[in-house]
PDB file of N, CA and C in Angstrom:
ATOM      1  N   MET A   1      -8.643  18.107  29.918  1.00  0.00           N
ATOM      2  CA  MET A   1      -8.324  18.471  28.526  1.00  0.00           C
ATOM      3  C   MET A   1      -8.882  19.853  28.003  1.00  0.00           C
ATOM      4  N   LYS A   2      -8.253  20.469  27.391  1.00  0.00           N
ATOM      5  CA  LYS A   2      -8.929  21.709  26.720  1.00  0.00           C
ATOM      6  C   LYS A   2      -9.875  21.295  25.532  1.00  0.00           C
ATOM      7  N   GLU A   3     -10.830  22.035  25.531  1.00  0.00           N
ATOM      8  CA  GLU A   3     -11.974  21.710  24.440  1.00  0.00           C
ATOM      9  C   GLU A   3     -11.515  22.560  23.104  1.00  0.00           C
ATOM     10  N   GLY A   4     -11.740  21.879  22.142  1.00  0.00           N
ATOM     11  CA  GLY A   4     -11.439  22.341  20.760  1.00  0.00           C
ATOM     12  C   GLY A   4     -10.074  22.395  20.188  1.00  0.00           C
ATOM     13  N   ILE A   5      -9.034  21.641  20.981  1.00  0.00           N
ATOM     14  CA  ILE A   5      -7.758  22.048  20.311  1.00  0.00           C
ATOM     15  C   ILE A   5      -7.385  20.502  19.961  1.00  0.00           C
ATOM     16  N   HIS A   6      -8.059  19.368  20.074  1.00  0.00           N
ATOM     17  CA  HIS A   6      -7.671  18.081  19.817  1.00  0.00           C
ATOM     18  C   HIS A   6      -8.365  17.680  18.595  1.00  0.00           C
ATOM     19  N   PRO A   7      -7.705  16.968  17.730  1.00  0.00           N
ATOM     20  CA  PRO A   7      -8.308  16.396  16.498  1.00  0.00           C
ATOM     21  C   PRO A   7      -9.466  15.457  16.827  1.00  0.00           C
ATOM     22  N   ASN A   8     -10.269  15.194  15.782  1.00  0.00           N
ATOM     23  CA  ASN A   8     -11.415  14.237  15.886  1.00  0.00           C
ATOM     24  C   ASN A   8     -10.753  12.840  15.645  1.00  0.00           C
ATOM     25  N   TYR A   9     -10.511  12.243  16.694  1.00  0.00           N
ATOM     26  CA  TYR A   9      -9.801  10.797  16.717  1.00  0.00           C
ATOM     27  C   TYR A   9     -10.889   9.748  16.876  1.00  0.00           C
ATOM     28  N   ARG A  10     -11.134   9.009  15.760  1.00  0.00           N
ATOM     29  CA  ARG A  10     -12.404   8.004  16.029  1.00  0.00           C
ATOM     30  C   ARG A  10     -12.077   6.754  15.036  1.00  0.00           C
ATOM     31  N   ASP A  11     -13.001   5.713  15.068  1.00  0.00           N
ATOM     32  CA  ASP A  11     -12.759   4.718  14.237  1.00  0.00           C
ATOM     33  C   ASP A  11     -13.093   5.179  12.748  1.00  0.00           C
ATOM     34  N   VAL A  12     -12.389   4.700  11.812  1.00  0.00           N
ATOM     35  CA  VAL A  12     -12.525   5.027  10.290  1.00  0.00           C
ATOM     36  C   VAL A  12     -12.359   3.697   9.476  1.00  0.00           C
ATOM     37  N   CYS A  13     -12.983   3.567   8.444  1.00  0.00           N
ATOM     38  CA  CYS A  13     -13.113   2.426   7.650  1.00  0.00           C
ATOM     39  C   CYS A  13     -12.248   2.869   6.275  1.00  0.00           C
ATOM     40  N   PHE A  14     -11.129   2.122   6.176  1.00  0.00           N
ATOM     41  CA  PHE A  14     -10.209   2.321   4.935  1.00  0.00           C
ATOM     42  C   PHE A  14     -10.339   1.215   4.040  1.00  0.00           C
ATOM     43  N   VAL A  15     -10.705   1.700   2.749  1.00  0.00           N
ATOM     44  CA  VAL A  15     -11.072   0.744   1.613  1.00  0.00           C
ATOM     45  C   VAL A  15     -10.110   1.024   0.616  1.00  0.00           C
ATOM     46  N   ASP A  16      -9.479  -0.260   0.257  1.00  0.00           N
ATOM     47  CA  ASP A  16      -8.477  -0.288  -1.006  1.00  0.00           C
ATOM     48  C   ASP A  16      -9.401  -0.358  -2.095  1.00  0.00           C
ATOM     49  N   LEU A  17      -9.139   0.663  -3.042  1.00  0.00           N
ATOM     50  CA  LEU A  17     -10.122   0.852  -4.348  1.00  0.00           C
ATOM     51  C   LEU A  17      -9.740  -0.234  -5.459  1.00  0.00           C
ATOM     52  N   SER A  18      -8.380  -0.780  -5.298  1.00  0.00           N
ATOM     53  CA  SER A  18      -7.846  -1.720  -6.320  1.00  0.00           C
ATOM     54  C   SER A  18      -8.429  -3.118  -6.196  1.00  0.00           C
ATOM     55  N   ASN A  19      -8.682  -3.531  -4.776  1.00  0.00           N
ATOM     56  CA  ASN A  19      -9.313  -4.916  -4.645  1.00  0.00           C
ATOM     57  C   ASN A  19     -10.380  -4.929  -3.559  1.00  0.00           C
ATOM     58  N   GLY A  20     -10.920  -3.891  -3.148  1.00  0.00           N
ATOM     59  CA  GLY A  20     -12.098  -3.938  -2.293  1.00  0.00           C
ATOM     60  C   GLY A  20     -11.640  -4.239  -0.847  1.00  0.00           C
ATOM     61  N   PHE A  21     -10.507  -4.442  -0.464  1.00  0.00           N
ATOM     62  CA  PHE A  21      -9.980  -4.796   0.898  1.00  0.00           C
ATOM     63  C   PHE A  21     -10.413  -3.621   1.801  1.00  0.00           C
ATOM     64  N   LYS A  22     -11.031  -4.035   3.099  1.00  0.00           N
ATOM     65  CA  LYS A  22     -11.469  -3.077   4.077  1.00  0.00           C
ATOM     66  C   LYS A  22     -10.772  -3.267   5.457  1.00  0.00           C
ATOM     67  N   PHE A  23     -10.463  -2.372   6.131  1.00  0.00           N
ATOM     68  CA  PHE A  23     -10.134  -2.459   7.512  1.00  0.00           C
ATOM     69  C   PHE A  23     -10.368  -1.281   8.103  1.00  0.00           C
ATOM     70  N   VAL A  24     -10.549  -1.433   9.439  1.00  0.00           N
ATOM     71  CA  VAL A  24     -11.036  -0.323  10.413  1.00  0.00           C
ATOM     72  C   VAL A  24     -10.141  -0.131  11.362  1.00  0.00           C
ATOM     73  N   THR A  25      -9.613   1.137  11.721  1.00  0.00           N
ATOM     74  CA  THR A  25      -8.686   1.513  12.559  1.00  0.00           C
ATOM     75  C   THR A  25      -9.059   2.940  12.986  1.00  0.00           C
ATOM     76  N   ARG A  26      -8.506   3.389  14.059  1.00  0.00           N
ATOM     77  CA  ARG A  26      -8.760   4.680  14.662  1.00  0.00           C
ATOM     78  C   ARG A  26      -7.681   5.665  13.917  1.00  0.00           C
ATOM     79  N   SER A  27      -8.294   6.883  13.553  1.00  0.00           N
ATOM     80  CA  SER A  27      -7.590   7.827  12.750  1.00  0.00           C
ATOM     81  C   SER A  27      -8.225   9.240  12.909  1.00  0.00           C
ATOM     82  N   CYS A  28      -7.410  10.225  12.663  1.00  0.00           N
ATOM     83  CA  CYS A  28      -7.814  11.673  12.574  1.00  0.00           C
ATOM     84  C   CYS A  28      -8.231  12.158  11.128  1.00  0.00           C
ATOM     85  N   ALA A  29      -8.193  11.047  10.212  1.00  0.00           N
ATOM     86  CA  ALA A  29      -8.299  11.450   8.757  1.00  0.00           C
ATOM     87  C   ALA A  29      -9.720  12.156   8.469  1.00  0.00           C
ATOM     88  N   ASN A  30      -9.661  13.220   7.674  1.00  0.00           N
ATOM     89  CA  ASN A  30     -10.978  14.069   7.311  1.00  0.00           C
ATOM     90  C   ASN A  30     -11.590  13.230   6.194  1.00  0.00           C
ATOM     91  N   THR A  31     -12.812  12.846   6.468  1.00  0.00           N
ATOM     92  CA  THR A  31     -13.661  12.094   5.391  1.00  0.00           C
ATOM     93  C   THR A  31     -15.056  12.955   5.224  1.00  0.00           C
ATOM     94  N   LYS A  32     -15.588  12.568   4.102  1.00  0.00           N
ATOM     95  CA  LYS A  32     -16.614  13.353   3.597  1.00  0.00           C
ATOM     96  C   LYS A  32     -17.850  11.992   3.322  1.00  0.00           C
ATOM     97  N   GLU A  33     -17.480  10.912   3.327  1.00  0.00           N
ATOM     98  CA  GLU A  33     -18.466   9.852   3.130  1.00  0.00           C
ATOM     99  C   GLU A  33     -18.550   8.872   4.274  1.00  0.00           C
ATOM    100  N   MET A  34     -19.617   8.209   4.316  1.00  0.00           N
ATOM    101  CA  MET A  34     -19.887   7.204   5.352  1.00  0.00           C
ATOM    102  C   MET A  34     -20.284   5.842   4.756  1.00  0.00           C
ATOM    103  N   ILE A  35     -20.005   4.857   5.517  1.00  0.00           N
ATOM    104  CA  ILE A  35     -20.216   3.464   5.112  1.00  0.00           C
ATOM    105  C   ILE A  35     -20.781   2.690   6.234  1.00  0.00           C
ATOM    106  N   ASP A  36     -21.706   1.797   5.724  1.00  0.00           N
ATOM    107  CA  ASP A  36     -22.510   0.887   6.618  1.00  0.00           C
ATOM    108  C   ASP A  36     -21.669  -0.376   6.814  1.00  0.00           C
ATOM    109  N   MET A  37     -21.213  -0.739   8.007  1.00  0.00           N
ATOM    110  CA  MET A  37     -20.615  -2.029   8.212  1.00  0.00           C
ATOM    111  C   MET A  37     -21.461  -3.116   8.317  1.00  0.00           C
ATOM    112  N   GLU A  38     -20.933  -4.340   8.419  1.00  0.00           N
ATOM    113  CA  GLU A  38     -21.618  -5.473   8.532  1.00  0.00           C
ATOM    114  C   GLU A  38     -22.048  -5.622   9.895  1.00  0.00           C
ATOM    115  N   ASP A  39     -21.535  -5.000  10.931  1.00  0.00           N
ATOM    116  CA  ASP A  39     -21.962  -5.018  12.335  1.00  0.00           C
ATOM    117  C   ASP A  39     -22.940  -4.064  12.798  1.00  0.00           C
ATOM    118  N   GLY A  40     -23.435  -3.267  11.764  1.00  0.00           N
ATOM    119  CA  GLY A  40     -24.421  -2.324  12.008  1.00  0.00           C
ATOM    120  C   GLY A  40     -23.921  -0.878  12.307  1.00  0.00           C
ATOM    121  N   ARG A  41     -22.555  -0.723  12.382  1.00  0.00           N
ATOM    122  CA  ARG A  41     -22.040   0.589  12.775  1.00  0.00           C
ATOM    123  C   ARG A  41     -21.937   1.583  11.446  1.00  0.00           C
ATOM    124  N   LYS A  42     -22.083   2.616  11.599  1.00  0.00           N
ATOM    125  CA  LYS A  42     -21.927   3.568  10.375  1.00  0.00           C
ATOM    126  C   LYS A  42     -20.594   4.284  10.647  1.00  0.00           C
ATOM    127  N   LEU A  43     -19.579   4.120   9.836  1.00  0.00           N
ATOM    128  CA  LEU A  43     -18.302   4.638   9.872  1.00  0.00           C
ATOM    129  C   LEU A  43     -17.889   5.648   8.908  1.00  0.00           C
ATOM    130  N   PRO A  44     -17.051   6.617   9.324  1.00  0.00           N
ATOM    131  CA  PRO A  44     -16.465   7.356   8.107  1.00  0.00           C
ATOM    132  C   PRO A  44     -15.707   6.380   7.160  1.00  0.00           C
ATOM    133  N   LEU A  45     -15.617   6.975   5.787  1.00  0.00           N
ATOM    134  CA  LEU A  45     -14.995   6.068   4.828  1.00  0.00           C
ATOM    135  C   LEU A  45     -13.886   6.885   4.185  1.00  0.00           C
ATOM    136  N   PHE A  46     -12.729   6.195   4.089  1.00  0.00           N
ATOM    137  CA  PHE A  46     -11.530   6.762   3.613  1.00  0.00           C
ATOM    138  C   PHE A  46     -11.033   5.861   2.526  1.00  0.00           C
ATOM    139  N   LYS A  47     -10.906   6.299   1.161  1.00  0.00           N
ATOM    140  CA  LYS A  47     -10.636   5.544   0.162  1.00  0.00           C
ATOM    141  C   LYS A  47      -9.027   5.684  -0.168  1.00  0.00           C
ATOM    142  N   LEU A  48      -8.468   4.396  -0.473  1.00  0.00           N
ATOM    143  CA  LEU A  48      -7.016   4.315  -0.663  1.00  0.00           C
ATOM    144  C   LEU A  48      -6.841   3.720  -1.905  1.00  0.00           C
ATOM    145  N   ASP A  49      -5.658   4.071  -2.736  1.00  0.00           N
ATOM    146  CA  ASP A  49      -5.274   3.554  -4.030  1.00  0.00           C
ATOM    147  C   ASP A  49      -4.744   2.262  -3.890  1.00  0.00           C
ATOM    148  N   THR A  50      -3.889   2.139  -2.707  1.00  0.00           N
ATOM    149  CA  THR A  50      -3.019   0.831  -2.484  1.00  0.00           C
ATOM    150  C   THR A  50      -3.147   0.711  -0.860  1.00  0.00           C
ATOM    151  N   SER A  51      -2.980  -0.537  -0.592  1.00  0.00           N
ATOM    152  CA  SER A  51      -2.933  -0.860   0.748  1.00  0.00           C
ATOM    153  C   SER A  51      -1.849  -2.200   0.877  1.00  0.00           C
ATOM    154  N   SER A  52      -1.758  -2.743   1.964  1.00  0.00           N
ATOM    155  CA  SER A  52      -0.631  -3.764   2.142  1.00  0.00           C
ATOM    156  C   SER A  52      -1.161  -5.028   1.341  1.00  0.00           C
ATOM    157  N   GLU A  53      -2.584  -5.202   1.152  1.00  0.00           N
ATOM    158  CA  GLU A  53      -3.065  -6.031   0.357  1.00  0.00           C
ATOM    159  C   GLU A  53      -3.007  -6.169  -1.044  1.00  0.00           C
ATOM    160  N   SER A  54      -2.587  -4.924  -1.762  1.00  0.00           N
ATOM    161  CA  SER A  54      -2.427  -4.734  -3.084  1.00  0.00           C
ATOM    162  C   SER A  54      -1.142  -4.428  -3.590  1.00  0.00           C
ATOM    163  N   HIS A  55      -0.289  -3.691  -2.541  1.00  0.00           N
ATOM    164  CA  HIS A  55       1.231  -3.059  -2.912  1.00  0.00           C
ATOM    165  C   HIS A  55       1.894  -4.374  -3.221  1.00  0.00           C
ATOM    166  N   PRO A  56       2.901  -4.204  -4.306  1.00  0.00           N
ATOM    167  CA  PRO A  56       3.710  -5.363  -4.786  1.00  0.00           C
ATOM    168  C   PRO A  56       4.786  -5.811  -3.911  1.00  0.00           C
ATOM    169  N   PHE A  57       5.256  -4.747  -3.100  1.00  0.00           N
ATOM    170  CA  PHE A  57       6.381  -5.201  -1.970  1.00  0.00           C
ATOM    171  C   PHE A  57       5.720  -6.129  -0.962  1.00  0.00           C
ATOM    172  N   TYR A  58       4.402  -5.889  -0.554  1.00  0.00           N
ATOM    173  CA  TYR A  58       3.845  -6.702   0.444  1.00  0.00           C
ATOM    174  C   TYR A  58       3.139  -8.088  -0.102  1.00  0.00           C
ATOM    175  N   THR A  59       2.761  -8.023  -1.449  1.00  0.00           N
ATOM    176  CA  THR A  59       2.243  -9.208  -1.957  1.00  0.00           C
ATOM    177  C   THR A  59       3.259 -10.118  -2.685  1.00  0.00           C
ATOM    178  N   GLY A  60       4.651  -9.639  -2.562  1.00  0.00           N
ATOM    179  CA  GLY A  60       5.695 -10.514  -3.187  1.00  0.00           C
ATOM    180  C   GLY A  60       5.826 -10.580  -4.652  1.00  0.00           C
ATOM    181  N   THR A  61       5.321  -9.577  -5.425  1.00  0.00           N
ATOM    182  CA  THR A  61       5.196  -9.541  -6.801  1.00  0.00           C
ATOM    183  C   THR A  61       6.270  -8.437  -7.159  1.00  0.00           C
ATOM    184  N   GLN A  62       6.833  -7.719  -6.188  1.00  0.00           N
ATOM    185  CA  GLN A  62       7.709  -6.820  -6.633  1.00  0.00           C
ATOM    186  C   GLN A  62       9.071  -7.321  -7.076  1.00  0.00           C
ATOM    187  N   LYS A  63       9.754  -6.732  -8.211  1.00  0.00           N
ATOM    188  CA  LYS A  63      10.962  -7.119  -8.902  1.00  0.00           C
ATOM    189  C   LYS A  63      11.884  -6.472  -8.000  1.00  0.00           C
ATOM    190  N   SER A  64      13.100  -7.248  -7.709  1.00  0.00           N
ATOM    191  CA  SER A  64      14.182  -6.679  -7.053  1.00  0.00           C
ATOM    192  C   SER A  64      15.105  -5.935  -7.986  1.00  0.00           C
ATOM    193  N   VAL A  65      15.574  -4.828  -7.661  1.00  0.00           N
ATOM    194  CA  VAL A  65      16.602  -4.084  -8.686  1.00  0.00           C
ATOM    195  C   VAL A  65      17.928  -4.931  -8.656  1.00  0.00           C
ATOM    196  N   ASP A  66      18.301  -5.519  -7.462  1.00  0.00           N
ATOM    197  CA  ASP A  66      19.436  -6.313  -7.443  1.00  0.00           C
ATOM    198  C   ASP A  66      19.473  -7.570  -8.394  1.00  0.00           C
ATOM    199  N   SER A  67      18.462  -8.087  -8.474  1.00  0.00           N
ATOM    200  CA  SER A  67      18.358  -9.401  -9.216  1.00  0.00           C
ATOM    201  C   SER A  67      18.123  -9.156 -10.799  1.00  0.00           C
ATOM    202  N   MET A  68      17.619  -8.019 -11.013  1.00  0.00           N
ATOM    203  CA  MET A  68      17.330  -7.599 -12.541  1.00  0.00           C
ATOM    204  C   MET A  68      18.722  -7.185 -13.221  1.00  0.00           C
ATOM    205  N   GLY A  69      19.738  -6.728 -12.500  1.00  0.00           N
ATOM    206  CA  GLY A  69      20.989  -6.487 -13.360  1.00  0.00           C
ATOM    207  C   GLY A  69      20.823  -5.239 -14.040  1.00  0.00           C
ATOM    208  N   GLY A  70      22.034  -4.695 -14.406  1.00  0.00           N
ATOM    209  CA  GLY A  70      22.091  -3.526 -15.048  1.00  0.00           C
ATOM    210  C   GLY A  70      22.616  -3.721 -16.668  1.00  0.00           C
ATOM    211  N   ARG A  71      22.930  -2.743 -17.365  1.00  0.00           N
ATOM    212  CA  ARG A  71      23.461  -2.909 -18.515  1.00  0.00           C
ATOM    213  C   ARG A  71      24.895  -3.502 -18.779  1.00  0.00           C
ATOM    214  N   VAL A  72      25.600  -3.256 -17.807  1.00  0.00           N
ATOM    215  CA  VAL A  72      26.898  -3.684 -17.723  1.00  0.00           C
ATOM    216  C   VAL A  72      26.847  -5.209 -17.346  1.00  0.00           C
ATOM    217  N   GLU A  73      25.972  -5.564 -16.316  1.00  0.00           N
ATOM    218  CA  GLU A  73      25.872  -6.978 -15.944  1.00  0.00           C
ATOM    219  C   GLU A  73      25.440  -7.777 -17.102  1.00  0.00           C
ATOM    220  N   LYS A  74      24.422  -7.365 -17.799  1.00  0.00           N
ATOM    221  CA  LYS A  74      23.859  -7.989 -18.931  1.00  0.00           C
ATOM    222  C   LYS A  74      24.962  -8.166 -20.034  1.00  0.00           C
ATOM    223  N   PHE A  75      25.794  -7.203 -20.244  1.00  0.00           N
ATOM    224  CA  PHE A  75      26.836  -7.225 -21.408  1.00  0.00           C
ATOM    225  C   PHE A  75      27.898  -8.355 -20.885  1.00  0.00           C
ATOM    226  N   ARG A  76      28.235  -8.193 -19.576  1.00  0.00           N
ATOM    227  CA  ARG A  76      29.112  -9.374 -19.190  1.00  0.00           C
ATOM    228  C   ARG A  76      28.589 -10.789 -19.100  1.00  0.00           C
ATOM    229  N   ASN A  77      27.372 -10.944 -18.993  1.00  0.00           N
ATOM    230  CA  ASN A  77      26.661 -12.405 -19.060  1.00  0.00           C
ATOM    231  C   ASN A  77      26.616 -12.745 -20.279  1.00  0.00           C
ATOM    232  N   ARG A  78      26.461 -11.831 -21.442  1.00  0.00           N
ATOM    233  CA  ARG A  78      26.252 -12.255 -22.730  1.00  0.00           C
ATOM    234  C   ARG A  78      27.686 -12.423 -23.372  1.00  0.00           C
ATOM    235  N   PHE A  79      28.549 -11.706 -23.282  1.00  0.00           N
ATOM    236  CA  PHE A  79      29.873 -11.664 -23.922  1.00  0.00           C
ATOM    237  C   PHE A  79      31.001 -11.887 -22.973  1.00  0.00           C
ATOM    238  N   GLY A  80      30.816 -12.222 -21.613  1.00  0.00           N
ATOM    239  CA  GLY A  80      31.947 -12.183 -20.760  1.00  0.00           C
ATOM    240  C   GLY A  80      32.859 -13.578 -20.966  1.00  0.00           C
ATOM    241  N   ARG A  81      34.142 -13.342 -20.614  1.00  0.00           N
ATOM    242  CA  ARG A  81      35.145 -14.140 -20.384  1.00  0.00           C
ATOM    243  C   ARG A  81      35.136 -15.274 -21.399  1.00  0.00           C
ATOM    244  N   THR A  82      35.597 -15.007 -22.605  1.00  0.00           N
ATOM    245  CA  THR A  82      35.550 -15.948 -23.659  1.00  0.00           C
ATOM    246  C   THR A  82      37.041 -16.410 -23.564  1.00  0.00           C
ATOM    247  N   THR A  83      37.364 -17.646 -23.872  1.00  0.00           N
ATOM    248  CA  THR A  83      38.557 -18.326 -23.740  1.00  0.00           C
ATOM    249  C   THR A  83      39.481 -17.864 -24.970  1.00  0.00           C
ATOM    250  N   ALA A  84      40.606 -17.501 -24.937  1.00  0.00           N
ATOM    251  CA  ALA A  84      41.434 -17.127 -25.852  1.00  0.00           C
ATOM    252  C   ALA A  84      42.323 -18.450 -26.488  1.00  0.00           C
ATOM    253  N   LYS A  85      42.349 -18.394 -27.882  1.00  0.00           N
ATOM    254  CA  LYS A  85      43.117 -19.602 -28.470  1.00  0.00           C
ATOM    255  C   LYS A  85      44.276 -19.293 -28.975  1.00  0.00           C
TER     256      LYS A  85
END
């Protein structure tokens, strides 16, 4: 392989800032901070706003647009199909 043309591919610790969830994977992400892991390794640290542990889609707290209904659907549910006398 040629020297100097490949990115720095290494183990990186990703931390979810919303709940403190950590996971280690290989990445080329540029980092400026380091973290000491429980196993004694010192890894580059990449901070995330959300991960699969905190994102509403993956945690099951996301509301579906289909089940919420729109303005027309709300009107029909409220005033729909009254019987004529």
